[in-house]
Amino acid sequence: MTIDETKAHIVRTLIGLYPNSDKIGKGSEVGYHLALEDLAAELFTRDIWRAILTQHPTFPPNPGELRAFVKNVTSTALGWEQAWYLAMREVRRTGAELWYGPPVFPDDATAAAVRAVGWAAMCAAPDPRGGGSAKDLGFLQARFRDAYEAAVERHRRDDIAAALTASARPALAEVGS
């Protein structure tokens, strides 16, 4: 997104949504631009603005909040429940001995969560339908959920850091010369 697109799409819309905010528009275009430049202007649809307005009814989101909101809404990350289901499907398909090949996970966060919990623990997960302990299964699911959500957050932060680093390179090059 160019600085002109940021001014046109982001700052003007924020001023329109929050007319009593006098802080927007006085040099803040640069901050919004640096935080949002790697996002396509087309992401900022009417539905996104409506959702942002419900989250922030009285004051505008700062650039970081706006970026996090848009990334969360447009994220392709699975919910932890779906990631759990797909990981357990791989447990059933390959087994503990991996006789039918290595497990295939839909994303890095699921693979990281399985590594954190442990493949052996996933394979030994109790099945309440077969007489296993639902409490033990719930404990394993909670560990998986925490590990998966931490991995998704870690990937999200890495993406933001990479985008901000990429946007800062030209500015740093100018300072160094």
N, C-alpha and C. Protein backbone atom coordinates (compact mmCIF):
# COMPACT_ATOMS: atom_id res chain seq x y z
N MET A 1 0.85 -1.16 0.00
CA MET A 1 0.00 0.00 0.00
C MET A 1 0.91 1.23 0.00
N THR A 2 0.63 2.15 -0.87
CA THR A 2 1.42 3.38 -0.93
C THR A 2 0.95 4.36 0.15
N ILE A 3 1.75 5.39 0.37
CA ILE A 3 1.37 6.40 1.36
C ILE A 3 0.09 7.11 0.94
N ASP A 4 -0.08 7.33 -0.36
CA ASP A 4 -1.32 7.97 -0.84
C ASP A 4 -2.54 7.08 -0.61
N GLU A 5 -2.38 5.75 -0.82
CA GLU A 5 -3.49 4.84 -0.55
C GLU A 5 -3.81 4.82 0.94
N THR A 6 -2.76 4.87 1.76
CA THR A 6 -2.97 4.90 3.20
C THR A 6 -3.78 6.13 3.59
N LYS A 7 -3.38 7.28 3.04
CA LYS A 7 -4.12 8.51 3.33
C LYS A 7 -5.56 8.41 2.85
N ALA A 8 -5.73 7.92 1.63
CA ALA A 8 -7.07 7.87 1.04
C ALA A 8 -7.96 6.84 1.72
N HIS A 9 -7.44 5.63 1.92
CA HIS A 9 -8.29 4.54 2.41
C HIS A 9 -8.38 4.46 3.93
N ILE A 10 -7.29 4.72 4.58
CA ILE A 10 -7.25 4.48 6.03
C ILE A 10 -7.55 5.76 6.81
N VAL A 11 -6.71 6.76 6.64
CA VAL A 11 -6.81 7.95 7.46
C VAL A 11 -8.13 8.69 7.20
N ARG A 12 -8.51 8.84 5.95
CA ARG A 12 -9.77 9.54 5.65
C ARG A 12 -10.98 8.77 6.21
N THR A 13 -10.93 7.45 6.11
CA THR A 13 -12.04 6.66 6.66
C THR A 13 -12.09 6.79 8.18
N LEU A 14 -10.92 6.75 8.83
CA LEU A 14 -10.90 6.91 10.28
C LEU A 14 -11.42 8.28 10.69
N ILE A 15 -11.04 9.33 9.95
CA ILE A 15 -11.54 10.67 10.25
C ILE A 15 -13.05 10.72 10.07
N GLY A 16 -13.55 10.03 9.04
CA GLY A 16 -14.99 9.99 8.82
C GLY A 16 -15.73 9.23 9.91
N LEU A 17 -15.13 8.13 10.39
CA LEU A 17 -15.77 7.32 11.43
C LEU A 17 -15.66 7.96 12.81
N TYR A 18 -14.57 8.68 13.05
CA TYR A 18 -14.31 9.27 14.36
C TYR A 18 -14.07 10.78 14.18
N PRO A 19 -15.11 11.55 13.87
CA PRO A 19 -14.90 12.97 13.58
C PRO A 19 -14.39 13.79 14.76
N ASN A 20 -14.59 13.33 15.97
CA ASN A 20 -14.14 14.09 17.14
C ASN A 20 -12.69 13.83 17.50
N SER A 21 -12.03 12.96 16.75
CA SER A 21 -10.64 12.66 17.04
C SER A 21 -9.75 13.65 16.30
N ASP A 22 -9.06 14.49 17.03
CA ASP A 22 -8.21 15.49 16.41
C ASP A 22 -6.78 15.00 16.19
N LYS A 23 -6.47 13.78 16.64
CA LYS A 23 -5.11 13.28 16.50
C LYS A 23 -4.86 12.65 15.14
N ILE A 24 -5.90 12.18 14.50
CA ILE A 24 -5.72 11.54 13.20
C ILE A 24 -5.50 12.62 12.15
N GLY A 25 -4.53 12.38 11.29
CA GLY A 25 -4.31 13.27 10.17
C GLY A 25 -3.17 14.24 10.37
N LYS A 26 -2.73 14.43 11.58
CA LYS A 26 -1.62 15.36 11.84
C LYS A 26 -0.31 14.58 11.91
N GLY A 27 0.13 14.11 10.75
CA GLY A 27 1.37 13.35 10.69
C GLY A 27 1.22 11.88 11.01
N SER A 28 0.02 11.46 11.35
CA SER A 28 -0.16 10.05 11.70
C SER A 28 -0.23 9.15 10.48
N GLU A 29 -0.35 9.75 9.28
CA GLU A 29 -0.40 8.94 8.07
C GLU A 29 0.84 8.06 7.95
N VAL A 30 1.98 8.59 8.35
CA VAL A 30 3.23 7.84 8.24
C VAL A 30 3.19 6.62 9.16
N GLY A 31 2.72 6.79 10.38
CA GLY A 31 2.62 5.66 11.30
C GLY A 31 1.68 4.59 10.79
N TYR A 32 0.52 5.00 10.30
CA TYR A 32 -0.42 4.04 9.73
C TYR A 32 0.19 3.36 8.50
N HIS A 33 0.88 4.14 7.69
CA HIS A 33 1.48 3.59 6.48
C HIS A 33 2.54 2.54 6.82
N LEU A 34 3.43 2.85 7.75
CA LEU A 34 4.48 1.90 8.12
C LEU A 34 3.90 0.60 8.69
N ALA A 35 2.83 0.71 9.44
CA ALA A 35 2.23 -0.48 10.05
C ALA A 35 1.41 -1.29 9.05
N LEU A 36 0.91 -0.65 8.00
CA LEU A 36 -0.05 -1.31 7.11
C LEU A 36 0.42 -1.45 5.66
N GLU A 37 1.63 -1.00 5.33
CA GLU A 37 2.02 -0.91 3.93
C GLU A 37 2.07 -2.25 3.21
N ASP A 38 2.30 -3.36 3.92
CA ASP A 38 2.36 -4.65 3.24
C ASP A 38 0.98 -5.26 3.02
N LEU A 39 -0.06 -4.63 3.56
CA LEU A 39 -1.43 -5.12 3.37
C LEU A 39 -2.04 -4.44 2.14
N ALA A 40 -2.84 -5.19 1.41
CA ALA A 40 -3.52 -4.63 0.25
C ALA A 40 -4.64 -3.71 0.71
N ALA A 41 -4.79 -2.61 0.00
CA ALA A 41 -5.85 -1.65 0.34
C ALA A 41 -7.22 -2.30 0.24
N GLU A 42 -7.35 -3.31 -0.62
CA GLU A 42 -8.64 -3.99 -0.81
C GLU A 42 -9.10 -4.75 0.43
N LEU A 43 -8.20 -4.99 1.38
CA LEU A 43 -8.59 -5.68 2.62
C LEU A 43 -9.52 -4.81 3.47
N PHE A 44 -9.41 -3.50 3.29
CA PHE A 44 -10.17 -2.58 4.12
C PHE A 44 -11.53 -2.33 3.48
N THR A 45 -12.39 -3.33 3.60
CA THR A 45 -13.72 -3.26 3.01
C THR A 45 -14.70 -2.64 4.00
N ARG A 46 -15.91 -2.42 3.51
CA ARG A 46 -16.96 -1.87 4.36
C ARG A 46 -17.22 -2.77 5.57
N ASP A 47 -17.18 -4.08 5.37
CA ASP A 47 -17.42 -5.01 6.48
C ASP A 47 -16.33 -4.91 7.54
N ILE A 48 -15.09 -4.75 7.09
CA ILE A 48 -13.98 -4.60 8.04
C ILE A 48 -14.17 -3.33 8.87
N TRP A 49 -14.52 -2.23 8.19
CA TRP A 49 -14.72 -0.97 8.92
C TRP A 49 -15.88 -1.07 9.90
N ARG A 50 -16.94 -1.76 9.50
CA ARG A 50 -18.09 -1.93 10.39
C ARG A 50 -17.66 -2.72 11.64
N ALA A 51 -16.86 -3.76 11.43
CA ALA A 51 -16.40 -4.57 12.57
C ALA A 51 -15.46 -3.76 13.46
N ILE A 52 -14.59 -2.95 12.86
CA ILE A 52 -13.68 -2.12 13.64
C ILE A 52 -14.47 -1.12 14.48
N LEU A 53 -15.49 -0.55 13.89
CA LEU A 53 -16.31 0.42 14.60
C LEU A 53 -17.02 -0.21 15.80
N THR A 54 -17.41 -1.48 15.69
CA THR A 54 -18.02 -2.16 16.83
C THR A 54 -16.99 -2.44 17.92
N GLN A 55 -15.74 -2.68 17.53
CA GLN A 55 -14.67 -2.93 18.50
C GLN A 55 -14.23 -1.63 19.18
N HIS A 56 -14.24 -0.54 18.42
CA HIS A 56 -13.79 0.76 18.91
C HIS A 56 -14.89 1.80 18.66
N PRO A 57 -15.96 1.80 19.45
CA PRO A 57 -17.08 2.70 19.15
C PRO A 57 -16.78 4.17 19.43
N THR A 58 -15.85 4.48 20.31
CA THR A 58 -15.66 5.88 20.68
C THR A 58 -14.30 6.45 20.31
N PHE A 59 -13.32 5.62 20.04
CA PHE A 59 -11.99 6.13 19.69
C PHE A 59 -11.39 5.26 18.59
N PRO A 60 -10.57 5.85 17.74
CA PRO A 60 -10.01 5.09 16.62
C PRO A 60 -8.91 4.14 17.07
N PRO A 61 -8.76 3.04 16.37
CA PRO A 61 -7.66 2.12 16.70
C PRO A 61 -6.32 2.73 16.28
N ASN A 62 -5.30 2.45 17.05
CA ASN A 62 -3.96 2.91 16.65
C ASN A 62 -3.47 2.01 15.52
N PRO A 63 -2.37 2.33 14.86
CA PRO A 63 -1.93 1.54 13.72
C PRO A 63 -1.71 0.06 14.03
N GLY A 64 -1.13 -0.23 15.19
CA GLY A 64 -0.89 -1.63 15.57
C GLY A 64 -2.19 -2.39 15.80
N GLU A 65 -3.16 -1.76 16.47
CA GLU A 65 -4.45 -2.41 16.70
C GLU A 65 -5.17 -2.65 15.37
N LEU A 66 -5.10 -1.68 14.48
CA LEU A 66 -5.75 -1.82 13.18
C LEU A 66 -5.13 -2.97 12.40
N ARG A 67 -3.82 -3.06 12.40
CA ARG A 67 -3.13 -4.13 11.70
C ARG A 67 -3.50 -5.50 12.29
N ALA A 68 -3.45 -5.61 13.61
CA ALA A 68 -3.78 -6.88 14.26
C ALA A 68 -5.21 -7.29 13.96
N PHE A 69 -6.12 -6.33 13.97
CA PHE A 69 -7.52 -6.64 13.69
C PHE A 69 -7.69 -7.17 12.28
N VAL A 70 -7.12 -6.49 11.30
CA VAL A 70 -7.26 -6.91 9.91
C VAL A 70 -6.59 -8.26 9.69
N LYS A 71 -5.42 -8.47 10.28
CA LYS A 71 -4.73 -9.76 10.12
C LYS A 71 -5.54 -10.88 10.75
N ASN A 72 -6.17 -10.63 11.91
CA ASN A 72 -6.97 -11.66 12.54
C ASN A 72 -8.21 -11.99 11.72
N VAL A 73 -8.85 -10.97 11.17
CA VAL A 73 -10.06 -11.19 10.38
C VAL A 73 -9.74 -11.93 9.10
N THR A 74 -8.61 -11.61 8.47
CA THR A 74 -8.26 -12.21 7.19
C THR A 74 -7.34 -13.41 7.33
N SER A 75 -7.07 -13.84 8.55
CA SER A 75 -6.15 -14.95 8.79
C SER A 75 -6.70 -16.25 8.25
N THR A 76 -5.80 -17.06 7.73
CA THR A 76 -6.19 -18.38 7.25
C THR A 76 -5.88 -19.46 8.28
N ALA A 77 -5.44 -19.05 9.46
CA ALA A 77 -5.11 -20.02 10.50
C ALA A 77 -6.37 -20.79 10.91
N LEU A 78 -6.16 -22.04 11.16
CA LEU A 78 -7.26 -22.89 11.62
C LEU A 78 -7.58 -22.57 13.07
N GLY A 79 -8.77 -22.90 13.49
CA GLY A 79 -9.06 -22.87 14.91
C GLY A 79 -8.36 -24.06 15.55
N TRP A 80 -8.10 -23.99 16.84
CA TRP A 80 -7.36 -25.08 17.46
C TRP A 80 -8.13 -26.40 17.39
N GLU A 81 -9.47 -26.32 17.42
CA GLU A 81 -10.28 -27.54 17.37
C GLU A 81 -10.09 -28.26 16.04
N GLN A 82 -10.07 -27.49 14.94
CA GLN A 82 -9.87 -28.10 13.63
C GLN A 82 -8.44 -28.65 13.52
N ALA A 83 -7.47 -27.92 14.05
CA ALA A 83 -6.09 -28.40 14.04
C ALA A 83 -5.96 -29.70 14.84
N TRP A 84 -6.65 -29.78 15.98
CA TRP A 84 -6.66 -31.00 16.79
C TRP A 84 -7.24 -32.16 15.99
N TYR A 85 -8.37 -31.92 15.36
CA TYR A 85 -9.02 -32.97 14.57
C TYR A 85 -8.07 -33.48 13.48
N LEU A 86 -7.43 -32.56 12.76
CA LEU A 86 -6.54 -32.96 11.66
C LEU A 86 -5.29 -33.68 12.18
N ALA A 87 -4.79 -33.26 13.34
CA ALA A 87 -3.63 -33.94 13.93
C ALA A 87 -4.01 -35.35 14.37
N MET A 88 -5.18 -35.50 14.98
CA MET A 88 -5.61 -36.83 15.41
C MET A 88 -5.93 -37.73 14.22
N ARG A 89 -6.38 -37.13 13.12
CA ARG A 89 -6.61 -37.92 11.90
C ARG A 89 -5.28 -38.48 11.39
N GLU A 90 -4.21 -37.69 11.51
CA GLU A 90 -2.89 -38.17 11.12
C GLU A 90 -2.39 -39.25 12.07
N VAL A 91 -2.71 -39.12 13.36
CA VAL A 91 -2.35 -40.17 14.33
C VAL A 91 -3.00 -41.48 13.91
N ARG A 92 -4.28 -41.44 13.58
CA ARG A 92 -4.99 -42.67 13.18
C ARG A 92 -4.47 -43.20 11.84
N ARG A 93 -4.09 -42.31 10.94
CA ARG A 93 -3.63 -42.73 9.62
C ARG A 93 -2.25 -43.38 9.68
N THR A 94 -1.32 -42.77 10.40
CA THR A 94 0.06 -43.25 10.38
C THR A 94 0.40 -44.17 11.53
N GLY A 95 -0.24 -43.98 12.67
CA GLY A 95 0.07 -44.79 13.83
C GLY A 95 1.35 -44.35 14.51
N ALA A 96 1.60 -44.90 15.68
CA ALA A 96 2.77 -44.52 16.47
C ALA A 96 4.07 -44.91 15.79
N GLU A 97 4.05 -45.98 15.02
CA GLU A 97 5.27 -46.46 14.36
C GLU A 97 5.48 -45.85 12.98
N LEU A 98 4.57 -44.98 12.55
CA LEU A 98 4.66 -44.30 11.26
C LEU A 98 4.77 -45.30 10.10
N TRP A 99 4.01 -46.39 10.19
CA TRP A 99 4.06 -47.42 9.16
C TRP A 99 3.52 -46.94 7.82
N TYR A 100 2.65 -45.98 7.85
CA TYR A 100 2.04 -45.50 6.60
C TYR A 100 2.60 -44.14 6.19
N GLY A 101 3.84 -43.89 6.56
CA GLY A 101 4.49 -42.66 6.17
C GLY A 101 4.45 -41.62 7.28
N PRO A 102 5.17 -40.53 7.07
CA PRO A 102 5.19 -39.48 8.09
C PRO A 102 3.87 -38.72 8.11
N PRO A 103 3.53 -38.15 9.26
CA PRO A 103 2.29 -37.37 9.32
C PRO A 103 2.41 -36.11 8.48
N VAL A 104 1.28 -35.69 7.94
CA VAL A 104 1.22 -34.47 7.13
C VAL A 104 0.25 -33.52 7.82
N PHE A 105 0.76 -32.35 8.20
CA PHE A 105 -0.05 -31.38 8.91
C PHE A 105 -0.41 -30.22 8.00
N PRO A 106 -1.55 -29.59 8.23
CA PRO A 106 -2.01 -28.53 7.32
C PRO A 106 -1.20 -27.24 7.40
N ASP A 107 -0.51 -27.03 8.53
CA ASP A 107 0.26 -25.79 8.67
C ASP A 107 1.36 -25.99 9.71
N ASP A 108 2.25 -25.01 9.77
CA ASP A 108 3.38 -25.08 10.70
C ASP A 108 2.93 -25.03 12.16
N ALA A 109 1.84 -24.30 12.43
CA ALA A 109 1.37 -24.18 13.81
C ALA A 109 0.89 -25.54 14.34
N THR A 110 0.20 -26.31 13.50
CA THR A 110 -0.25 -27.63 13.93
C THR A 110 0.95 -28.54 14.19
N ALA A 111 1.92 -28.51 13.29
CA ALA A 111 3.13 -29.32 13.47
C ALA A 111 3.86 -28.91 14.75
N ALA A 112 3.94 -27.61 15.03
CA ALA A 112 4.60 -27.14 16.24
C ALA A 112 3.85 -27.60 17.49
N ALA A 113 2.53 -27.57 17.44
CA ALA A 113 1.73 -28.00 18.59
C ALA A 113 1.91 -29.50 18.84
N VAL A 114 1.95 -30.29 17.77
CA VAL A 114 2.17 -31.74 17.93
C VAL A 114 3.56 -31.99 18.51
N ARG A 115 4.56 -31.26 18.03
CA ARG A 115 5.91 -31.41 18.60
C ARG A 115 5.92 -31.04 20.08
N ALA A 116 5.21 -29.97 20.44
CA ALA A 116 5.20 -29.53 21.84
C ALA A 116 4.52 -30.55 22.75
N VAL A 117 3.43 -31.12 22.28
CA VAL A 117 2.70 -32.12 23.08
C VAL A 117 3.44 -33.46 23.04
N GLY A 118 4.00 -33.78 21.88
CA GLY A 118 4.73 -35.04 21.71
C GLY A 118 3.91 -36.02 20.88
N TRP A 119 4.55 -36.57 19.86
CA TRP A 119 3.87 -37.52 18.98
C TRP A 119 3.42 -38.75 19.76
N ALA A 120 4.26 -39.23 20.66
CA ALA A 120 3.90 -40.42 21.45
C ALA A 120 2.67 -40.15 22.31
N ALA A 121 2.61 -38.96 22.91
CA ALA A 121 1.45 -38.61 23.73
C ALA A 121 0.19 -38.52 22.88
N MET A 122 0.33 -37.98 21.67
CA MET A 122 -0.83 -37.89 20.77
C MET A 122 -1.30 -39.30 20.38
N CYS A 123 -0.35 -40.18 20.11
CA CYS A 123 -0.71 -41.55 19.71
C CYS A 123 -1.33 -42.33 20.87
N ALA A 124 -0.93 -42.00 22.08
CA ALA A 124 -1.46 -42.70 23.26
C ALA A 124 -2.69 -42.01 23.83
N ALA A 125 -3.25 -41.05 23.10
CA ALA A 125 -4.42 -40.31 23.60
C ALA A 125 -5.56 -41.29 23.89
N PRO A 126 -6.15 -41.15 25.07
CA PRO A 126 -7.25 -42.05 25.41
C PRO A 126 -8.50 -41.76 24.57
N ASP A 127 -9.23 -42.81 24.25
CA ASP A 127 -10.48 -42.67 23.50
C ASP A 127 -11.63 -42.95 24.45
N PRO A 128 -12.38 -41.90 24.86
CA PRO A 128 -13.48 -42.13 25.81
C PRO A 128 -14.53 -43.10 25.28
N ARG A 129 -14.66 -43.21 23.97
CA ARG A 129 -15.63 -44.17 23.41
C ARG A 129 -15.21 -45.60 23.67
N GLY A 130 -13.89 -45.80 23.83
CA GLY A 130 -13.38 -47.15 24.07
C GLY A 130 -13.04 -47.40 25.52
N GLY A 131 -13.51 -46.57 26.42
CA GLY A 131 -13.26 -46.76 27.84
C GLY A 131 -12.14 -45.92 28.39
N GLY A 132 -11.53 -45.07 27.56
CA GLY A 132 -10.46 -44.20 28.03
C GLY A 132 -11.00 -43.06 28.88
N SER A 133 -10.11 -42.39 29.56
CA SER A 133 -10.48 -41.31 30.46
C SER A 133 -10.71 -40.02 29.69
N ALA A 134 -11.92 -39.48 29.80
CA ALA A 134 -12.24 -38.20 29.15
C ALA A 134 -11.42 -37.08 29.81
N LYS A 135 -11.14 -37.22 31.09
CA LYS A 135 -10.35 -36.21 31.79
C LYS A 135 -8.94 -36.16 31.22
N ASP A 136 -8.33 -37.32 30.99
CA ASP A 136 -6.99 -37.35 30.41
C ASP A 136 -6.98 -36.79 28.99
N LEU A 137 -8.01 -37.10 28.23
CA LEU A 137 -8.11 -36.57 26.87
C LEU A 137 -8.27 -35.05 26.91
N GLY A 138 -9.08 -34.56 27.83
CA GLY A 138 -9.26 -33.12 27.98
C GLY A 138 -7.96 -32.42 28.34
N PHE A 139 -7.16 -33.06 29.19
CA PHE A 139 -5.87 -32.49 29.56
C PHE A 139 -4.95 -32.40 28.34
N LEU A 140 -4.93 -33.46 27.53
CA LEU A 140 -4.10 -33.48 26.32
C LEU A 140 -4.58 -32.43 25.32
N GLN A 141 -5.88 -32.30 25.18
CA GLN A 141 -6.43 -31.28 24.28
C GLN A 141 -6.07 -29.88 24.76
N ALA A 142 -6.10 -29.65 26.06
CA ALA A 142 -5.75 -28.33 26.60
C ALA A 142 -4.28 -28.02 26.33
N ARG A 143 -3.41 -29.00 26.48
CA ARG A 143 -2.00 -28.80 26.15
C ARG A 143 -1.83 -28.49 24.67
N PHE A 144 -2.53 -29.22 23.83
CA PHE A 144 -2.46 -28.98 22.38
C PHE A 144 -2.98 -27.57 22.06
N ARG A 145 -4.12 -27.21 22.65
CA ARG A 145 -4.70 -25.88 22.39
C ARG A 145 -3.72 -24.77 22.75
N ASP A 146 -3.13 -24.87 23.93
CA ASP A 146 -2.18 -23.84 24.36
C ASP A 146 -0.97 -23.77 23.43
N ALA A 147 -0.45 -24.93 23.04
CA ALA A 147 0.71 -24.97 22.16
C ALA A 147 0.35 -24.44 20.77
N TYR A 148 -0.83 -24.79 20.28
CA TYR A 148 -1.25 -24.33 18.96
C TYR A 148 -1.46 -22.82 18.95
N GLU A 149 -2.16 -22.30 19.93
CA GLU A 149 -2.40 -20.86 19.98
C GLU A 149 -1.10 -20.08 20.14
N ALA A 150 -0.16 -20.62 20.91
CA ALA A 150 1.15 -19.97 21.05
C ALA A 150 1.90 -19.98 19.72
N ALA A 151 1.82 -21.08 18.98
CA ALA A 151 2.49 -21.17 17.68
C ALA A 151 1.88 -20.20 16.67
N VAL A 152 0.55 -20.10 16.66
CA VAL A 152 -0.12 -19.15 15.75
C VAL A 152 0.31 -17.73 16.09
N GLU A 153 0.34 -17.39 17.37
CA GLU A 153 0.75 -16.05 17.79
C GLU A 153 2.20 -15.79 17.43
N ARG A 154 3.06 -16.79 17.61
CA ARG A 154 4.48 -16.65 17.27
C ARG A 154 4.64 -16.39 15.76
N HIS A 155 3.91 -17.14 14.94
CA HIS A 155 3.97 -16.93 13.49
C HIS A 155 3.44 -15.55 13.12
N ARG A 156 2.38 -15.11 13.78
CA ARG A 156 1.82 -13.79 13.50
C ARG A 156 2.83 -12.70 13.84
N ARG A 157 3.48 -12.82 14.97
CA ARG A 157 4.48 -11.82 15.37
C ARG A 157 5.68 -11.84 14.42
N ASP A 158 6.09 -13.04 13.99
CA ASP A 158 7.20 -13.12 13.04
C ASP A 158 6.83 -12.45 11.72
N ASP A 159 5.59 -12.62 11.27
CA ASP A 159 5.14 -11.97 10.04
C ASP A 159 5.16 -10.45 10.19
N ILE A 160 4.69 -9.96 11.33
CA ILE A 160 4.68 -8.51 11.56
C ILE A 160 6.11 -7.99 11.62
N ALA A 161 6.98 -8.69 12.33
CA ALA A 161 8.38 -8.25 12.43
C ALA A 161 9.05 -8.24 11.07
N ALA A 162 8.79 -9.25 10.25
CA ALA A 162 9.38 -9.29 8.91
C ALA A 162 8.86 -8.14 8.06
N ALA A 163 7.56 -7.87 8.15
CA ALA A 163 6.99 -6.78 7.36
C ALA A 163 7.54 -5.44 7.82
N LEU A 164 7.63 -5.23 9.13
CA LEU A 164 8.16 -3.97 9.62
C LEU A 164 9.64 -3.82 9.31
N THR A 165 10.38 -4.92 9.39
CA THR A 165 11.79 -4.88 9.04
C THR A 165 11.96 -4.53 7.57
N ALA A 166 11.14 -5.15 6.70
CA ALA A 166 11.22 -4.86 5.27
C ALA A 166 10.88 -3.40 4.99
N SER A 167 9.90 -2.86 5.69
CA SER A 167 9.52 -1.47 5.45
C SER A 167 10.55 -0.51 6.01
N ALA A 168 11.30 -0.93 7.02
CA ALA A 168 12.29 -0.05 7.62
C ALA A 168 13.62 -0.05 6.87
N ARG A 169 13.85 -1.05 6.01
CA ARG A 169 15.14 -1.14 5.30
C ARG A 169 15.47 0.11 4.49
N PRO A 170 14.54 0.63 3.67
CA PRO A 170 14.90 1.85 2.92
C PRO A 170 15.25 3.02 3.84
N ALA A 171 14.51 3.17 4.91
CA ALA A 171 14.79 4.27 5.84
C ALA A 171 16.13 4.08 6.52
N LEU A 172 16.46 2.84 6.88
CA LEU A 172 17.74 2.58 7.51
C LEU A 172 18.89 2.77 6.52
N ALA A 173 18.66 2.44 5.26
CA ALA A 173 19.69 2.62 4.24
C ALA A 173 20.00 4.11 4.06
N GLU A 174 18.97 4.96 4.11
CA GLU A 174 19.17 6.40 3.98
C GLU A 174 19.96 6.95 5.16
N VAL A 175 19.69 6.43 6.35
CA VAL A 175 20.39 6.91 7.54
C VAL A 175 21.85 6.51 7.48
N GLY A 176 22.12 5.29 6.97
CA GLY A 176 23.48 4.78 6.93
C GLY A 176 24.34 5.46 5.88
N SER A 177 23.73 6.10 4.88
CA SER A 177 24.54 6.70 3.82
C SER A 177 24.84 8.16 4.04
